[in-house]
Amino acid sequence: MTSIVERHNAEAEATIAMLHQELQDANQAIKELKETLKSTVEGQDAPELSQTNGDGGMPLFYAMEKQAELTQARNEIARLATLVGDSESTKQEALDAMEEMKMDLETIQARLKRHEDASKRSPEQERLNLEYLKNVVLSFLNAKTPQEKKALLPVIGTVLCLTQEEQRQAVEHLEQSGHVLDSVQNSLLGKFF
């Protein structure tokens, strides 16, 4: 799963690099066209063209042609800039999806571990585990200070096979709230009972 996302990111970065190069080339072409147009309009460039047509119509045609090329180059730059933006947006969406998949995978692995652990235990072990969980939760609920409660959260997390994200959320809830029953009990125990 990770290699697919990495390959997708590498392709997106290569596309972005290519589009950036095309954009730089187009900007250089526009700069050259502007210089040519400026020198043509000022009559500094293409003296042989003005000699071919005695009334000076050729430099004007040449300038109009360069103006059309300049407009076309600007349109191409706008198109390339849009493509770069779209590629970067797609890359960010892929990175966000990858992070979400990682969290989903961690949750699924935790559930699988809980299921495997439960299937391996004998009824006596299940009873002991439940008794241990009851004692830890009671100790948590009877703890006098937030430090005592915070120290018991990893124990509860281990017994319940909580993911790192679930344990982090429980710690945040404990730190944000003075009422254990309102925040931590809802975040920890509400998920499993």
N, C-alpha and C. Protein backbone atom coordinates (compact mmCIF):
# COMPACT_ATOMS: atom_id res chain seq x y z
N MET A 1 0.83 -1.18 0.00
CA MET A 1 0.00 0.00 0.00
C MET A 1 0.88 1.25 0.00
N THR A 2 1.94 1.23 0.81
CA THR A 2 2.82 2.39 0.89
C THR A 2 3.56 2.59 -0.42
N SER A 3 4.00 1.50 -1.07
CA SER A 3 4.74 1.64 -2.32
C SER A 3 3.87 2.25 -3.41
N ILE A 4 2.59 1.96 -3.42
CA ILE A 4 1.68 2.55 -4.40
C ILE A 4 1.60 4.05 -4.18
N VAL A 5 1.45 4.46 -2.93
CA VAL A 5 1.36 5.89 -2.63
C VAL A 5 2.68 6.57 -2.94
N GLU A 6 3.81 5.92 -2.60
CA GLU A 6 5.12 6.50 -2.91
C GLU A 6 5.30 6.65 -4.42
N ARG A 7 4.88 5.62 -5.18
CA ARG A 7 5.00 5.69 -6.63
C ARG A 7 4.13 6.82 -7.17
N HIS A 8 2.91 6.94 -6.64
CA HIS A 8 2.00 8.00 -7.06
C HIS A 8 2.60 9.37 -6.74
N ASN A 9 3.21 9.51 -5.55
CA ASN A 9 3.85 10.77 -5.18
C ASN A 9 5.02 11.08 -6.09
N ALA A 10 5.83 10.07 -6.43
CA ALA A 10 6.98 10.27 -7.30
C ALA A 10 6.51 10.72 -8.69
N GLU A 11 5.44 10.10 -9.20
CA GLU A 11 4.90 10.49 -10.50
C GLU A 11 4.38 11.92 -10.45
N ALA A 12 3.69 12.26 -9.37
CA ALA A 12 3.15 13.62 -9.24
C ALA A 12 4.29 14.64 -9.17
N GLU A 13 5.34 14.32 -8.41
CA GLU A 13 6.47 15.25 -8.32
C GLU A 13 7.18 15.38 -9.65
N ALA A 14 7.31 14.30 -10.41
CA ALA A 14 7.94 14.36 -11.73
C ALA A 14 7.11 15.22 -12.68
N THR A 15 5.80 15.05 -12.64
CA THR A 15 4.91 15.86 -13.48
C THR A 15 5.01 17.33 -13.11
N ILE A 16 5.04 17.61 -11.82
CA ILE A 16 5.15 19.00 -11.36
C ILE A 16 6.48 19.59 -11.82
N ALA A 17 7.58 18.83 -11.70
CA ALA A 17 8.88 19.33 -12.14
C ALA A 17 8.88 19.61 -13.64
N MET A 18 8.27 18.71 -14.41
CA MET A 18 8.19 18.90 -15.85
C MET A 18 7.38 20.15 -16.20
N LEU A 19 6.26 20.33 -15.50
CA LEU A 19 5.41 21.49 -15.76
C LEU A 19 6.11 22.79 -15.36
N HIS A 20 6.87 22.74 -14.25
CA HIS A 20 7.64 23.92 -13.86
C HIS A 20 8.66 24.27 -14.94
N GLN A 21 9.32 23.27 -15.49
CA GLN A 21 10.31 23.52 -16.55
C GLN A 21 9.63 24.10 -17.78
N GLU A 22 8.49 23.55 -18.17
CA GLU A 22 7.75 24.09 -19.32
C GLU A 22 7.33 25.53 -19.06
N LEU A 23 6.93 25.80 -17.83
CA LEU A 23 6.53 27.15 -17.47
C LEU A 23 7.71 28.11 -17.57
N GLN A 24 8.87 27.70 -17.10
CA GLN A 24 10.06 28.54 -17.22
C GLN A 24 10.42 28.77 -18.68
N ASP A 25 10.34 27.71 -19.49
CA ASP A 25 10.63 27.86 -20.92
C ASP A 25 9.66 28.82 -21.58
N ALA A 26 8.40 28.70 -21.24
CA ALA A 26 7.39 29.59 -21.82
C ALA A 26 7.64 31.04 -21.37
N ASN A 27 8.01 31.24 -20.12
CA ASN A 27 8.33 32.59 -19.64
C ASN A 27 9.53 33.17 -20.41
N GLN A 28 10.53 32.34 -20.66
CA GLN A 28 11.69 32.78 -21.42
C GLN A 28 11.28 33.15 -22.85
N ALA A 29 10.42 32.32 -23.45
CA ALA A 29 9.95 32.61 -24.81
C ALA A 29 9.19 33.93 -24.85
N ILE A 30 8.38 34.18 -23.83
CA ILE A 30 7.63 35.45 -23.78
C ILE A 30 8.59 36.62 -23.65
N LYS A 31 9.60 36.44 -22.81
CA LYS A 31 10.59 37.52 -22.65
C LYS A 31 11.26 37.83 -23.99
N GLU A 32 11.66 36.79 -24.69
CA GLU A 32 12.30 36.98 -25.99
C GLU A 32 11.34 37.64 -26.98
N LEU A 33 10.08 37.20 -26.96
CA LEU A 33 9.09 37.80 -27.86
C LEU A 33 8.87 39.27 -27.54
N LYS A 34 8.83 39.59 -26.26
CA LYS A 34 8.65 40.99 -25.87
C LYS A 34 9.82 41.84 -26.36
N GLU A 35 11.03 41.31 -26.19
CA GLU A 35 12.21 42.05 -26.63
C GLU A 35 12.18 42.25 -28.15
N THR A 36 11.83 41.19 -28.87
CA THR A 36 11.75 41.28 -30.32
C THR A 36 10.68 42.28 -30.74
N LEU A 37 9.52 42.21 -30.07
CA LEU A 37 8.43 43.14 -30.38
C LEU A 37 8.84 44.58 -30.11
N LYS A 38 9.49 44.80 -28.99
CA LYS A 38 9.92 46.15 -28.63
C LYS A 38 10.92 46.69 -29.65
N SER A 39 11.90 45.85 -29.99
CA SER A 39 12.90 46.33 -30.95
C SER A 39 12.29 46.53 -32.34
N THR A 40 11.32 45.70 -32.68
CA THR A 40 10.66 45.84 -33.99
C THR A 40 9.84 47.11 -34.05
N VAL A 41 9.09 47.37 -33.00
CA VAL A 41 8.25 48.56 -32.96
C VAL A 41 9.12 49.81 -32.98
N GLU A 42 10.25 49.76 -32.31
CA GLU A 42 11.15 50.91 -32.29
C GLU A 42 11.94 51.05 -33.58
N GLY A 43 11.87 50.04 -34.46
CA GLY A 43 12.54 50.10 -35.74
C GLY A 43 14.00 49.72 -35.66
N GLN A 44 14.42 49.13 -34.56
CA GLN A 44 15.82 48.76 -34.41
C GLN A 44 16.12 47.43 -35.06
N ASP A 45 15.16 46.58 -35.17
CA ASP A 45 15.36 45.23 -35.68
C ASP A 45 14.75 45.13 -37.07
N ALA A 46 15.21 44.19 -37.81
CA ALA A 46 14.68 43.84 -39.12
C ALA A 46 14.70 45.01 -40.09
N PRO A 47 15.85 45.68 -40.30
CA PRO A 47 15.88 46.78 -41.27
C PRO A 47 15.63 46.27 -42.68
N GLU A 48 16.00 45.02 -42.95
CA GLU A 48 15.77 44.49 -44.28
C GLU A 48 14.27 44.33 -44.56
N LEU A 49 13.48 44.14 -43.50
CA LEU A 49 12.04 44.02 -43.71
C LEU A 49 11.44 45.36 -44.11
N SER A 50 11.88 46.40 -43.47
CA SER A 50 11.32 47.71 -43.83
C SER A 50 11.78 48.14 -45.21
N GLN A 51 12.90 47.59 -45.68
CA GLN A 51 13.35 47.93 -47.02
C GLN A 51 12.55 47.19 -48.08
N THR A 52 12.00 46.02 -47.74
CA THR A 52 11.23 45.27 -48.72
C THR A 52 9.92 45.95 -49.05
N ASN A 53 9.40 46.68 -48.11
CA ASN A 53 8.15 47.38 -48.35
C ASN A 53 8.39 48.85 -48.03
N GLY A 54 8.37 49.66 -49.00
CA GLY A 54 8.72 51.06 -48.83
C GLY A 54 7.84 51.83 -47.88
N ASP A 55 6.59 51.41 -47.67
CA ASP A 55 5.70 52.17 -46.80
C ASP A 55 5.79 51.77 -45.33
N GLY A 56 6.67 50.82 -44.97
CA GLY A 56 6.85 50.42 -43.57
C GLY A 56 5.79 49.47 -43.07
N GLY A 57 5.02 48.83 -43.94
CA GLY A 57 3.97 47.91 -43.51
C GLY A 57 4.49 46.60 -42.98
N MET A 58 5.63 46.17 -43.42
CA MET A 58 6.17 44.88 -43.01
C MET A 58 6.52 44.84 -41.52
N PRO A 59 7.18 45.88 -40.95
CA PRO A 59 7.43 45.82 -39.52
C PRO A 59 6.15 45.78 -38.71
N LEU A 60 5.10 46.44 -39.15
CA LEU A 60 3.83 46.39 -38.44
C LEU A 60 3.26 44.98 -38.48
N PHE A 61 3.32 44.34 -39.65
CA PHE A 61 2.86 42.96 -39.76
C PHE A 61 3.69 42.06 -38.85
N TYR A 62 5.00 42.27 -38.88
CA TYR A 62 5.91 41.49 -38.04
C TYR A 62 5.57 41.69 -36.55
N ALA A 63 5.29 42.93 -36.17
CA ALA A 63 4.93 43.23 -34.78
C ALA A 63 3.61 42.56 -34.41
N MET A 64 2.65 42.59 -35.33
CA MET A 64 1.36 41.94 -35.05
C MET A 64 1.53 40.43 -34.91
N GLU A 65 2.39 39.87 -35.75
CA GLU A 65 2.65 38.44 -35.67
C GLU A 65 3.29 38.08 -34.33
N LYS A 66 4.25 38.91 -33.90
CA LYS A 66 4.91 38.67 -32.61
C LYS A 66 3.92 38.86 -31.45
N GLN A 67 3.01 39.82 -31.59
CA GLN A 67 1.99 40.02 -30.56
C GLN A 67 1.09 38.78 -30.45
N ALA A 68 0.74 38.19 -31.59
CA ALA A 68 -0.08 36.97 -31.58
C ALA A 68 0.69 35.83 -30.91
N GLU A 69 1.99 35.73 -31.22
CA GLU A 69 2.80 34.70 -30.58
C GLU A 69 2.89 34.93 -29.08
N LEU A 70 3.01 36.20 -28.69
CA LEU A 70 3.06 36.54 -27.27
C LEU A 70 1.76 36.15 -26.57
N THR A 71 0.64 36.43 -27.19
CA THR A 71 -0.66 36.05 -26.63
C THR A 71 -0.77 34.53 -26.50
N GLN A 72 -0.32 33.84 -27.53
CA GLN A 72 -0.34 32.38 -27.49
C GLN A 72 0.56 31.85 -26.36
N ALA A 73 1.72 32.45 -26.19
CA ALA A 73 2.63 32.03 -25.13
C ALA A 73 2.02 32.30 -23.76
N ARG A 74 1.35 33.45 -23.60
CA ARG A 74 0.68 33.75 -22.32
C ARG A 74 -0.41 32.73 -22.02
N ASN A 75 -1.17 32.37 -23.05
CA ASN A 75 -2.22 31.36 -22.85
C ASN A 75 -1.61 30.02 -22.43
N GLU A 76 -0.48 29.68 -23.03
CA GLU A 76 0.20 28.42 -22.68
C GLU A 76 0.71 28.47 -21.25
N ILE A 77 1.23 29.62 -20.84
CA ILE A 77 1.69 29.77 -19.46
C ILE A 77 0.52 29.60 -18.50
N ALA A 78 -0.59 30.20 -18.81
CA ALA A 78 -1.78 30.07 -17.96
C ALA A 78 -2.21 28.61 -17.88
N ARG A 79 -2.17 27.91 -19.02
CA ARG A 79 -2.54 26.50 -19.03
C ARG A 79 -1.58 25.67 -18.18
N LEU A 80 -0.28 25.94 -18.34
CA LEU A 80 0.72 25.21 -17.56
C LEU A 80 0.60 25.52 -16.07
N ALA A 81 0.33 26.77 -15.73
CA ALA A 81 0.16 27.13 -14.32
C ALA A 81 -1.03 26.39 -13.72
N THR A 82 -2.09 26.28 -14.50
CA THR A 82 -3.27 25.53 -14.04
C THR A 82 -2.91 24.05 -13.83
N LEU A 83 -2.16 23.49 -14.77
CA LEU A 83 -1.74 22.09 -14.64
C LEU A 83 -0.86 21.88 -13.41
N VAL A 84 0.05 22.81 -13.15
CA VAL A 84 0.90 22.71 -11.97
C VAL A 84 0.04 22.75 -10.70
N GLY A 85 -0.88 23.70 -10.67
CA GLY A 85 -1.77 23.80 -9.51
C GLY A 85 -2.59 22.54 -9.31
N ASP A 86 -3.12 22.00 -10.40
CA ASP A 86 -3.90 20.76 -10.30
C ASP A 86 -3.03 19.60 -9.82
N SER A 87 -1.80 19.52 -10.33
CA SER A 87 -0.90 18.44 -9.92
C SER A 87 -0.54 18.55 -8.45
N GLU A 88 -0.27 19.77 -7.99
CA GLU A 88 0.05 19.95 -6.58
C GLU A 88 -1.15 19.64 -5.71
N SER A 89 -2.32 19.99 -6.16
CA SER A 89 -3.55 19.68 -5.42
C SER A 89 -3.76 18.18 -5.35
N THR A 90 -3.55 17.49 -6.46
CA THR A 90 -3.68 16.04 -6.50
C THR A 90 -2.66 15.38 -5.58
N LYS A 91 -1.45 15.91 -5.58
CA LYS A 91 -0.41 15.37 -4.70
C LYS A 91 -0.81 15.53 -3.24
N GLN A 92 -1.32 16.71 -2.86
CA GLN A 92 -1.73 16.93 -1.48
C GLN A 92 -2.88 16.02 -1.10
N GLU A 93 -3.82 15.82 -2.01
CA GLU A 93 -4.93 14.90 -1.75
C GLU A 93 -4.40 13.49 -1.53
N ALA A 94 -3.41 13.08 -2.31
CA ALA A 94 -2.82 11.74 -2.16
C ALA A 94 -2.12 11.62 -0.81
N LEU A 95 -1.42 12.67 -0.39
CA LEU A 95 -0.76 12.64 0.92
C LEU A 95 -1.78 12.56 2.05
N ASP A 96 -2.85 13.33 1.92
CA ASP A 96 -3.92 13.28 2.93
C ASP A 96 -4.56 11.89 2.97
N ALA A 97 -4.80 11.31 1.79
CA ALA A 97 -5.38 9.97 1.74
C ALA A 97 -4.43 8.95 2.35
N MET A 98 -3.14 9.12 2.14
CA MET A 98 -2.15 8.21 2.71
C MET A 98 -2.19 8.28 4.24
N GLU A 99 -2.26 9.48 4.80
CA GLU A 99 -2.33 9.63 6.26
C GLU A 99 -3.60 8.98 6.81
N GLU A 100 -4.69 9.18 6.10
CA GLU A 100 -5.95 8.58 6.54
C GLU A 100 -5.87 7.06 6.49
N MET A 101 -5.23 6.53 5.43
CA MET A 101 -5.07 5.08 5.32
C MET A 101 -4.19 4.54 6.43
N LYS A 102 -3.16 5.29 6.80
CA LYS A 102 -2.29 4.86 7.90
C LYS A 102 -3.09 4.75 9.20
N MET A 103 -3.92 5.75 9.46
CA MET A 103 -4.72 5.71 10.69
C MET A 103 -5.73 4.57 10.63
N ASP A 104 -6.34 4.35 9.47
CA ASP A 104 -7.28 3.24 9.32
C ASP A 104 -6.57 1.90 9.52
N LEU A 105 -5.38 1.78 8.96
CA LEU A 105 -4.61 0.55 9.10
C LEU A 105 -4.26 0.29 10.56
N GLU A 106 -3.87 1.33 11.27
CA GLU A 106 -3.54 1.18 12.69
C GLU A 106 -4.77 0.73 13.48
N THR A 107 -5.92 1.31 13.18
CA THR A 107 -7.15 0.92 13.86
C THR A 107 -7.50 -0.53 13.56
N ILE A 108 -7.38 -0.92 12.30
CA ILE A 108 -7.70 -2.30 11.91
C ILE A 108 -6.73 -3.28 12.58
N GLN A 109 -5.45 -2.91 12.62
CA GLN A 109 -4.47 -3.78 13.27
C GLN A 109 -4.76 -3.93 14.76
N ALA A 110 -5.18 -2.84 15.41
CA ALA A 110 -5.52 -2.92 16.83
C ALA A 110 -6.73 -3.83 17.04
N ARG A 111 -7.71 -3.71 16.18
CA ARG A 111 -8.90 -4.57 16.29
C ARG A 111 -8.52 -6.04 16.07
N LEU A 112 -7.68 -6.27 15.07
CA LEU A 112 -7.23 -7.63 14.80
C LEU A 112 -6.47 -8.20 15.99
N LYS A 113 -5.61 -7.39 16.59
CA LYS A 113 -4.86 -7.85 17.76
C LYS A 113 -5.82 -8.18 18.90
N ARG A 114 -6.82 -7.31 19.13
CA ARG A 114 -7.81 -7.60 20.19
C ARG A 114 -8.52 -8.92 19.90
N HIS A 115 -8.90 -9.10 18.64
CA HIS A 115 -9.61 -10.33 18.27
C HIS A 115 -8.71 -11.55 18.44
N GLU A 116 -7.47 -11.46 17.99
CA GLU A 116 -6.54 -12.59 18.14
C GLU A 116 -6.27 -12.90 19.60
N ASP A 117 -6.06 -11.85 20.39
CA ASP A 117 -5.82 -12.06 21.82
C ASP A 117 -7.03 -12.71 22.49
N ALA A 118 -8.21 -12.26 22.12
CA ALA A 118 -9.43 -12.82 22.72
C ALA A 118 -9.62 -14.28 22.32
N SER A 119 -9.29 -14.62 21.08
CA SER A 119 -9.48 -16.01 20.64
C SER A 119 -8.45 -16.96 21.26
N LYS A 120 -7.31 -16.44 21.68
CA LYS A 120 -6.26 -17.28 22.28
C LYS A 120 -6.51 -17.54 23.77
N ARG A 121 -7.28 -16.70 24.40
CA ARG A 121 -7.47 -16.82 25.85
C ARG A 121 -8.49 -17.89 26.21
N SER A 122 -8.19 -18.51 27.30
CA SER A 122 -9.15 -19.48 27.85
C SER A 122 -10.21 -18.69 28.62
N PRO A 123 -11.32 -19.33 28.96
CA PRO A 123 -12.33 -18.63 29.76
C PRO A 123 -11.77 -18.11 31.09
N GLU A 124 -10.84 -18.86 31.67
CA GLU A 124 -10.24 -18.40 32.93
C GLU A 124 -9.40 -17.15 32.69
N GLN A 125 -8.65 -17.14 31.61
CA GLN A 125 -7.84 -15.95 31.30
C GLN A 125 -8.74 -14.75 30.99
N GLU A 126 -9.84 -14.99 30.30
CA GLU A 126 -10.79 -13.92 30.00
C GLU A 126 -11.33 -13.33 31.29
N ARG A 127 -11.67 -14.18 32.22
CA ARG A 127 -12.21 -13.71 33.51
C ARG A 127 -11.16 -12.89 34.24
N LEU A 128 -9.91 -13.36 34.23
CA LEU A 128 -8.83 -12.62 34.90
C LEU A 128 -8.57 -11.28 34.21
N ASN A 129 -8.61 -11.27 32.90
CA ASN A 129 -8.40 -10.04 32.15
C ASN A 129 -9.51 -9.03 32.44
N LEU A 130 -10.73 -9.50 32.48
CA LEU A 130 -11.86 -8.63 32.80
C LEU A 130 -11.74 -8.11 34.23
N GLU A 131 -11.33 -8.95 35.14
CA GLU A 131 -11.14 -8.53 36.53
C GLU A 131 -10.04 -7.47 36.62
N TYR A 132 -8.94 -7.69 35.90
CA TYR A 132 -7.84 -6.72 35.87
C TYR A 132 -8.31 -5.39 35.29
N LEU A 133 -9.05 -5.46 34.19
CA LEU A 133 -9.58 -4.24 33.59
C LEU A 133 -10.49 -3.50 34.57
N LYS A 134 -11.33 -4.24 35.26
CA LYS A 134 -12.23 -3.62 36.24
C LYS A 134 -11.42 -2.89 37.31
N ASN A 135 -10.38 -3.53 37.83
CA ASN A 135 -9.56 -2.92 38.87
C ASN A 135 -8.83 -1.68 38.37
N VAL A 136 -8.31 -1.73 37.15
CA VAL A 136 -7.61 -0.58 36.59
C VAL A 136 -8.58 0.59 36.38
N VAL A 137 -9.77 0.30 35.86
CA VAL A 137 -10.75 1.36 35.63
C VAL A 137 -11.20 1.95 36.96
N LEU A 138 -11.42 1.11 37.96
CA LEU A 138 -11.79 1.63 39.28
C LEU A 138 -10.67 2.49 39.86
N SER A 139 -9.44 2.06 39.70
CA SER A 139 -8.31 2.87 40.18
C SER A 139 -8.29 4.22 39.45
N PHE A 140 -8.57 4.18 38.18
CA PHE A 140 -8.60 5.39 37.38
C PHE A 140 -9.70 6.33 37.87
N LEU A 141 -10.88 5.79 38.07
CA LEU A 141 -12.00 6.61 38.51
C LEU A 141 -11.81 7.15 39.92
N ASN A 142 -11.08 6.42 40.76
CA ASN A 142 -10.85 6.84 42.14
C ASN A 142 -9.58 7.66 42.31
N ALA A 143 -8.84 7.87 41.26
CA ALA A 143 -7.60 8.64 41.36
C ALA A 143 -7.90 10.06 41.79
N LYS A 144 -7.04 10.59 42.62
CA LYS A 144 -7.28 11.92 43.20
C LYS A 144 -6.72 13.05 42.32
N THR A 145 -5.62 12.80 41.64
CA THR A 145 -4.99 13.87 40.88
C THR A 145 -4.98 13.52 39.39
N PRO A 146 -4.90 14.55 38.57
CA PRO A 146 -4.81 14.30 37.12
C PRO A 146 -3.55 13.49 36.75
N GLN A 147 -2.47 13.66 37.50
CA GLN A 147 -1.25 12.92 37.22
C GLN A 147 -1.47 11.42 37.42
N GLU A 148 -2.19 11.06 38.48
CA GLU A 148 -2.49 9.64 38.72
C GLU A 148 -3.35 9.08 37.59
N LYS A 149 -4.32 9.86 37.18
CA LYS A 149 -5.20 9.42 36.09
C LYS A 149 -4.41 9.28 34.78
N LYS A 150 -3.54 10.26 34.52
CA LYS A 150 -2.74 10.23 33.31
C LYS A 150 -1.80 9.03 33.32
N ALA A 151 -1.30 8.66 34.50
CA ALA A 151 -0.40 7.50 34.60
C ALA A 151 -1.15 6.19 34.33
N LEU A 152 -2.44 6.15 34.60
CA LEU A 152 -3.23 4.94 34.37
C LEU A 152 -3.73 4.80 32.93
N LEU A 153 -3.73 5.88 32.17
CA LEU A 153 -4.23 5.81 30.80
C LEU A 153 -3.46 4.80 29.93
N PRO A 154 -2.13 4.75 29.98
CA PRO A 154 -1.44 3.74 29.17
C PRO A 154 -1.79 2.31 29.57
N VAL A 155 -2.04 2.09 30.86
CA VAL A 155 -2.42 0.74 31.31
C VAL A 155 -3.78 0.37 30.73
N ILE A 156 -4.72 1.30 30.83
CA ILE A 156 -6.05 1.04 30.27
C ILE A 156 -5.94 0.84 28.76
N GLY A 157 -5.12 1.68 28.11
CA GLY A 157 -4.93 1.55 26.66
C GLY A 157 -4.36 0.20 26.27
N THR A 158 -3.45 -0.31 27.07
CA THR A 158 -2.86 -1.63 26.79
C THR A 158 -3.88 -2.73 26.98
N VAL A 159 -4.63 -2.68 28.06
CA VAL A 159 -5.63 -3.72 28.33
C VAL A 159 -6.70 -3.72 27.25
N LEU A 160 -7.09 -2.53 26.79
CA LEU A 160 -8.14 -2.43 25.78
C LEU A 160 -7.60 -2.48 24.35
N CYS A 161 -6.26 -2.57 24.21
CA CYS A 161 -5.60 -2.59 22.89
C CYS A 161 -5.99 -1.35 22.07
N LEU A 162 -5.91 -0.18 22.71
CA LEU A 162 -6.22 1.06 22.01
C LEU A 162 -5.10 1.41 21.05
N THR A 163 -5.47 2.09 19.97
CA THR A 163 -4.46 2.56 19.02
C THR A 163 -3.76 3.77 19.64
N GLN A 164 -2.65 4.16 19.05
CA GLN A 164 -1.93 5.34 19.54
C GLN A 164 -2.80 6.59 19.42
N GLU A 165 -3.57 6.68 18.36
CA GLU A 165 -4.46 7.82 18.16
C GLU A 165 -5.54 7.86 19.25
N GLU A 166 -6.11 6.71 19.59
CA GLU A 166 -7.12 6.66 20.65
C GLU A 166 -6.52 7.04 22.00
N GLN A 167 -5.29 6.57 22.27
CA GLN A 167 -4.64 6.93 23.53
C GLN A 167 -4.31 8.42 23.57
N ARG A 168 -3.86 8.97 22.43
CA ARG A 168 -3.57 10.40 22.36
C ARG A 168 -4.83 11.22 22.62
N GLN A 169 -5.95 10.81 22.04
CA GLN A 169 -7.21 11.51 22.26
C GLN A 169 -7.63 11.46 23.72
N ALA A 170 -7.43 10.30 24.35
CA ALA A 170 -7.79 10.16 25.76
C ALA A 170 -6.97 11.10 26.63
N VAL A 171 -5.67 11.19 26.34
CA VAL A 171 -4.80 12.09 27.11
C VAL A 171 -5.24 13.54 26.89
N GLU A 172 -5.55 13.90 25.66
CA GLU A 172 -6.01 15.26 25.38
C GLU A 172 -7.29 15.58 26.13
N HIS A 173 -8.23 14.64 26.13
CA HIS A 173 -9.49 14.85 26.85
C HIS A 173 -9.23 15.01 28.34
N LEU A 174 -8.34 14.22 28.87
CA LEU A 174 -8.03 14.30 30.30
C LEU A 174 -7.41 15.65 30.62
N GLU A 175 -6.51 16.12 29.78
CA GLU A 175 -5.86 17.41 30.02
C GLU A 175 -6.83 18.57 29.86
N GLN A 176 -7.79 18.45 28.98
CA GLN A 176 -8.73 19.55 28.72
C GLN A 176 -9.84 19.63 29.75
N SER A 177 -10.12 18.55 30.41
CA SER A 177 -11.29 18.54 31.28
C SER A 177 -10.91 18.19 32.71
N GLY A 178 -11.59 18.81 33.62
CA GLY A 178 -11.40 18.48 35.03
C GLY A 178 -12.32 17.35 35.45
N HIS A 179 -13.30 17.04 34.63
CA HIS A 179 -14.27 16.00 34.97
C HIS A 179 -13.95 14.73 34.20
N VAL A 180 -13.48 13.75 34.91
CA VAL A 180 -13.10 12.50 34.29
C VAL A 180 -14.32 11.79 33.71
N LEU A 181 -15.41 11.83 34.42
CA LEU A 181 -16.60 11.11 33.95
C LEU A 181 -17.14 11.70 32.66
N ASP A 182 -17.02 13.00 32.50
CA ASP A 182 -17.55 13.63 31.29
C ASP A 182 -16.66 13.39 30.07
N SER A 183 -15.34 13.54 30.24
CA SER A 183 -14.47 13.49 29.07
C SER A 183 -13.80 12.15 28.86
N VAL A 184 -13.01 11.69 29.82
CA VAL A 184 -12.23 10.48 29.60
C VAL A 184 -13.11 9.25 29.56
N GLN A 185 -14.07 9.19 30.43
CA GLN A 185 -14.95 8.02 30.42
C GLN A 185 -15.70 7.93 29.10
N ASN A 186 -16.16 9.06 28.59
CA ASN A 186 -16.85 9.05 27.29
C ASN A 186 -15.92 8.68 26.15
N SER A 187 -14.68 9.18 26.21
CA SER A 187 -13.76 8.90 25.10
C SER A 187 -13.18 7.48 25.16
N LEU A 188 -12.90 6.98 26.36
CA LEU A 188 -12.30 5.65 26.48
C LEU A 188 -13.35 4.55 26.61
N LEU A 189 -14.12 4.64 27.63
CA LEU A 189 -15.04 3.56 27.94
C LEU A 189 -16.25 3.52 27.03
N GLY A 190 -16.65 4.70 26.50
CA GLY A 190 -17.81 4.76 25.62
C GLY A 190 -17.59 4.01 24.32
N LYS A 191 -16.35 3.84 23.91
CA LYS A 191 -16.06 3.13 22.66
C LYS A 191 -16.20 1.62 22.81
N PHE A 192 -16.08 1.14 24.03
CA PHE A 192 -16.01 -0.32 24.20
C PHE A 192 -17.17 -0.92 25.01
N PHE A 193 -17.97 -0.07 25.63
CA PHE A 193 -19.07 -0.62 26.44
C PHE A 193 -20.39 -0.08 25.99
